[in-house]
Amino acid sequence: VFVNEQVLYTRSELTRHYKRGDAAGVMADAGFKGHPTCQFCKKHFYSDQELYSHMQTQHMQCFLCKKARPNDYVYYKNLKELTDHFVSNHHFCTHEDCKDKHPEER
């Protein structure tokens, strides 16, 4: 993009650009609908690929659900949420010797 092609936004226009895309202009004409956002961090990413990379590295997936439904992309914010998922959806060992283990090892 050349300097003379750069779009300048007010604070409110930039917020709209991130969330819903532009109301008018080149980006609106191209069908841009906003930047993808992490539902946990509320951080915006340039593209779906960058969001996917973030989700894979910063959040967690259930290996059992992923194996059963490989085309579903369900993430958990942190280890506590993943553990809660294991407790309510899978056979989860509560034996004293297992309490400090990762939920995937229980």
C-alpha atoms as a PDB file:
ATOM      1  CA  VAL A   1       0.000   0.000   0.000  1.00  0.00           C
ATOM      2  CA  PHE A   2       1.351   3.396  -0.974  1.00  0.00           C
ATOM      3  CA  VAL A   3       1.306   6.225   1.557  1.00  0.00           C
ATOM      4  CA  ASN A   4      -1.329   8.129  -0.405  1.00  0.00           C
ATOM      5  CA  GLU A   5      -3.539   4.987  -0.327  1.00  0.00           C
ATOM      6  CA  GLN A   6      -3.419   4.608   3.457  1.00  0.00           C
ATOM      7  CA  VAL A   7      -6.684   5.172   5.261  1.00  0.00           C
ATOM      8  CA  LEU A   8      -6.642   7.439   8.314  1.00  0.00           C
ATOM      9  CA  TYR A   9      -9.213   6.707  11.002  1.00  0.00           C
ATOM     10  CA  THR A  10     -10.644   8.612  13.914  1.00  0.00           C
ATOM     11  CA  ARG A  11     -10.732   6.631  17.178  1.00  0.00           C
ATOM     12  CA  SER A  12     -14.376   5.609  16.602  1.00  0.00           C
ATOM     13  CA  GLU A  13     -13.730   4.715  12.943  1.00  0.00           C
ATOM     14  CA  LEU A  14     -10.780   2.566  13.970  1.00  0.00           C
ATOM     15  CA  THR A  15     -12.925   0.736  16.529  1.00  0.00           C
ATOM     16  CA  ARG A  16     -15.536   0.097  13.847  1.00  0.00           C
ATOM     17  CA  HIS A  17     -12.806  -1.033  11.405  1.00  0.00           C
ATOM     18  CA  TYR A  18     -11.551  -3.616  13.917  1.00  0.00           C
ATOM     19  CA  LYS A  19     -14.985  -4.947  14.845  1.00  0.00           C
ATOM     20  CA  ARG A  20     -17.192  -4.649  11.747  1.00  0.00           C
ATOM     21  CA  GLY A  21     -15.105  -3.296   8.879  1.00  0.00           C
ATOM     22  CA  ASP A  22     -15.335   0.050   7.145  1.00  0.00           C
ATOM     23  CA  ALA A  23     -18.580   1.849   6.338  1.00  0.00           C
ATOM     24  CA  ALA A  24     -17.237   3.204   3.039  1.00  0.00           C
ATOM     25  CA  GLY A  25     -14.105   3.231   0.932  1.00  0.00           C
ATOM     26  CA  VAL A  26     -11.807   0.668  -0.613  1.00  0.00           C
ATOM     27  CA  MET A  27     -11.967  -1.782   2.291  1.00  0.00           C
ATOM     28  CA  ALA A  28     -15.773  -1.652   2.421  1.00  0.00           C
ATOM     29  CA  ASP A  29     -15.947  -2.121  -1.349  1.00  0.00           C
ATOM     30  CA  ALA A  30     -13.707  -5.188  -1.028  1.00  0.00           C
ATOM     31  CA  GLY A  31     -16.114  -6.722   1.521  1.00  0.00           C
ATOM     32  CA  PHE A  32     -13.851  -6.410   4.566  1.00  0.00           C
ATOM     33  CA  LYS A  33     -15.881  -7.308   7.675  1.00  0.00           C
ATOM     34  CA  GLY A  34     -13.395  -6.490  10.438  1.00  0.00           C
ATOM     35  CA  HIS A  35     -10.437  -8.206  12.043  1.00  0.00           C
ATOM     36  CA  PRO A  36     -10.934 -11.536  13.837  1.00  0.00           C
ATOM     37  CA  THR A  37     -10.876 -11.329  17.629  1.00  0.00           C
ATOM     38  CA  CYS A  38      -9.835 -13.798  20.312  1.00  0.00           C
ATOM     39  CA  GLN A  39     -12.949 -14.466  22.394  1.00  0.00           C
ATOM     40  CA  PHE A  40     -10.811 -14.884  25.520  1.00  0.00           C
ATOM     41  CA  CYS A  41      -8.196 -12.111  25.251  1.00  0.00           C
ATOM     42  CA  LYS A  42     -10.334  -9.659  23.232  1.00  0.00           C
ATOM     43  CA  LYS A  43      -7.241  -9.063  21.080  1.00  0.00           C
ATOM     44  CA  HIS A  44      -7.689  -8.350  17.358  1.00  0.00           C
ATOM     45  CA  PHE A  45      -5.644 -10.117  14.691  1.00  0.00           C
ATOM     46  CA  TYR A  46      -4.924  -9.174  11.116  1.00  0.00           C
ATOM     47  CA  SER A  47      -6.231 -12.434   9.664  1.00  0.00           C
ATOM     48  CA  ASP A  48      -7.888 -15.724  10.559  1.00  0.00           C
ATOM     49  CA  GLN A  49      -4.499 -17.453  10.233  1.00  0.00           C
ATOM     50  CA  GLU A  50      -2.976 -15.211  12.907  1.00  0.00           C
ATOM     51  CA  LEU A  51      -5.978 -15.819  15.175  1.00  0.00           C
ATOM     52  CA  TYR A  52      -5.633 -19.585  14.622  1.00  0.00           C
ATOM     53  CA  SER A  53      -1.933 -19.442  15.507  1.00  0.00           C
ATOM     54  CA  HIS A  54      -2.756 -17.478  18.675  1.00  0.00           C
ATOM     55  CA  MET A  55      -5.448 -19.953  19.706  1.00  0.00           C
ATOM     56  CA  GLN A  56      -3.110 -22.913  19.144  1.00  0.00           C
ATOM     57  CA  THR A  57      -0.309 -21.413  21.241  1.00  0.00           C
ATOM     58  CA  GLN A  58      -2.107 -19.426  23.947  1.00  0.00           C
ATOM     59  CA  HIS A  59      -5.264 -21.424  24.660  1.00  0.00           C
ATOM     60  CA  MET A  60      -6.129 -25.085  25.113  1.00  0.00           C
ATOM     61  CA  GLN A  61      -8.051 -27.824  23.333  1.00  0.00           C
ATOM     62  CA  CYS A  62      -9.421 -31.096  24.649  1.00  0.00           C
ATOM     63  CA  PHE A  63      -7.482 -33.885  22.952  1.00  0.00           C
ATOM     64  CA  LEU A  64     -10.411 -36.308  23.316  1.00  0.00           C
ATOM     65  CA  CYS A  65     -12.934 -33.986  21.682  1.00  0.00           C
ATOM     66  CA  LYS A  66     -10.421 -33.007  19.004  1.00  0.00           C
ATOM     67  CA  LYS A  67      -9.860 -36.669  18.146  1.00  0.00           C
ATOM     68  CA  ALA A  68     -13.611 -37.355  18.021  1.00  0.00           C
ATOM     69  CA  ARG A  69     -14.410 -34.214  16.014  1.00  0.00           C
ATOM     70  CA  PRO A  70     -11.247 -33.054  14.176  1.00  0.00           C
ATOM     71  CA  ASN A  71     -13.066 -30.344  12.217  1.00  0.00           C
ATOM     72  CA  ASP A  72     -14.399 -28.628  15.343  1.00  0.00           C
ATOM     73  CA  TYR A  73     -12.182 -25.924  16.765  1.00  0.00           C
ATOM     74  CA  VAL A  74     -13.206 -25.648  20.414  1.00  0.00           C
ATOM     75  CA  TYR A  75     -10.777 -23.907  22.726  1.00  0.00           C
ATOM     76  CA  TYR A  76     -10.590 -23.275  26.449  1.00  0.00           C
ATOM     77  CA  LYS A  77      -9.175 -20.096  27.912  1.00  0.00           C
ATOM     78  CA  ASN A  78      -6.803 -21.762  30.358  1.00  0.00           C
ATOM     79  CA  LEU A  79      -6.011 -24.962  32.238  1.00  0.00           C
ATOM     80  CA  LYS A  80      -8.799 -24.400  34.758  1.00  0.00           C
ATOM     81  CA  GLU A  81     -11.433 -24.216  32.014  1.00  0.00           C
ATOM     82  CA  LEU A  82      -9.986 -27.292  30.310  1.00  0.00           C
ATOM     83  CA  THR A  83     -10.020 -29.132  33.644  1.00  0.00           C
ATOM     84  CA  ASP A  84     -13.661 -28.112  34.212  1.00  0.00           C
ATOM     85  CA  HIS A  85     -14.460 -29.490  30.755  1.00  0.00           C
ATOM     86  CA  PHE A  86     -12.776 -32.825  31.585  1.00  0.00           C
ATOM     87  CA  VAL A  87     -14.653 -33.073  34.891  1.00  0.00           C
ATOM     88  CA  SER A  88     -18.051 -32.463  33.301  1.00  0.00           C
ATOM     89  CA  ASN A  89     -17.587 -34.283  29.976  1.00  0.00           C
ATOM     90  CA  HIS A  90     -15.107 -37.124  30.431  1.00  0.00           C
ATOM     91  CA  HIS A  91     -13.995 -39.730  32.982  1.00  0.00           C
ATOM     92  CA  PHE A  92     -11.794 -37.700  35.279  1.00  0.00           C
ATOM     93  CA  CYS A  93      -9.714 -39.332  37.999  1.00  0.00           C
ATOM     94  CA  THR A  94     -10.058 -37.664  41.387  1.00  0.00           C
ATOM     95  CA  HIS A  95      -7.666 -39.989  43.225  1.00  0.00           C
ATOM     96  CA  GLU A  96      -5.214 -38.205  45.537  1.00  0.00           C
ATOM     97  CA  ASP A  97      -2.199 -39.410  43.516  1.00  0.00           C
ATOM     98  CA  CYS A  98      -3.608 -37.803  40.358  1.00  0.00           C
ATOM     99  CA  LYS A  99      -4.645 -34.420  41.715  1.00  0.00           C
ATOM    100  CA  ASP A 100      -1.485 -32.594  40.560  1.00  0.00           C
ATOM    101  CA  LYS A 101      -1.441 -34.121  37.085  1.00  0.00           C
ATOM    102  CA  HIS A 102      -2.488 -32.351  33.900  1.00  0.00           C
ATOM    103  CA  PRO A 103      -6.137 -33.148  33.039  1.00  0.00           C
ATOM    104  CA  GLU A 104      -5.026 -35.064  29.939  1.00  0.00           C
ATOM    105  CA  GLU A 105      -3.069 -37.458  32.193  1.00  0.00           C
ATOM    106  CA  ARG A 106      -5.969 -38.137  34.558  1.00  0.00           C
END
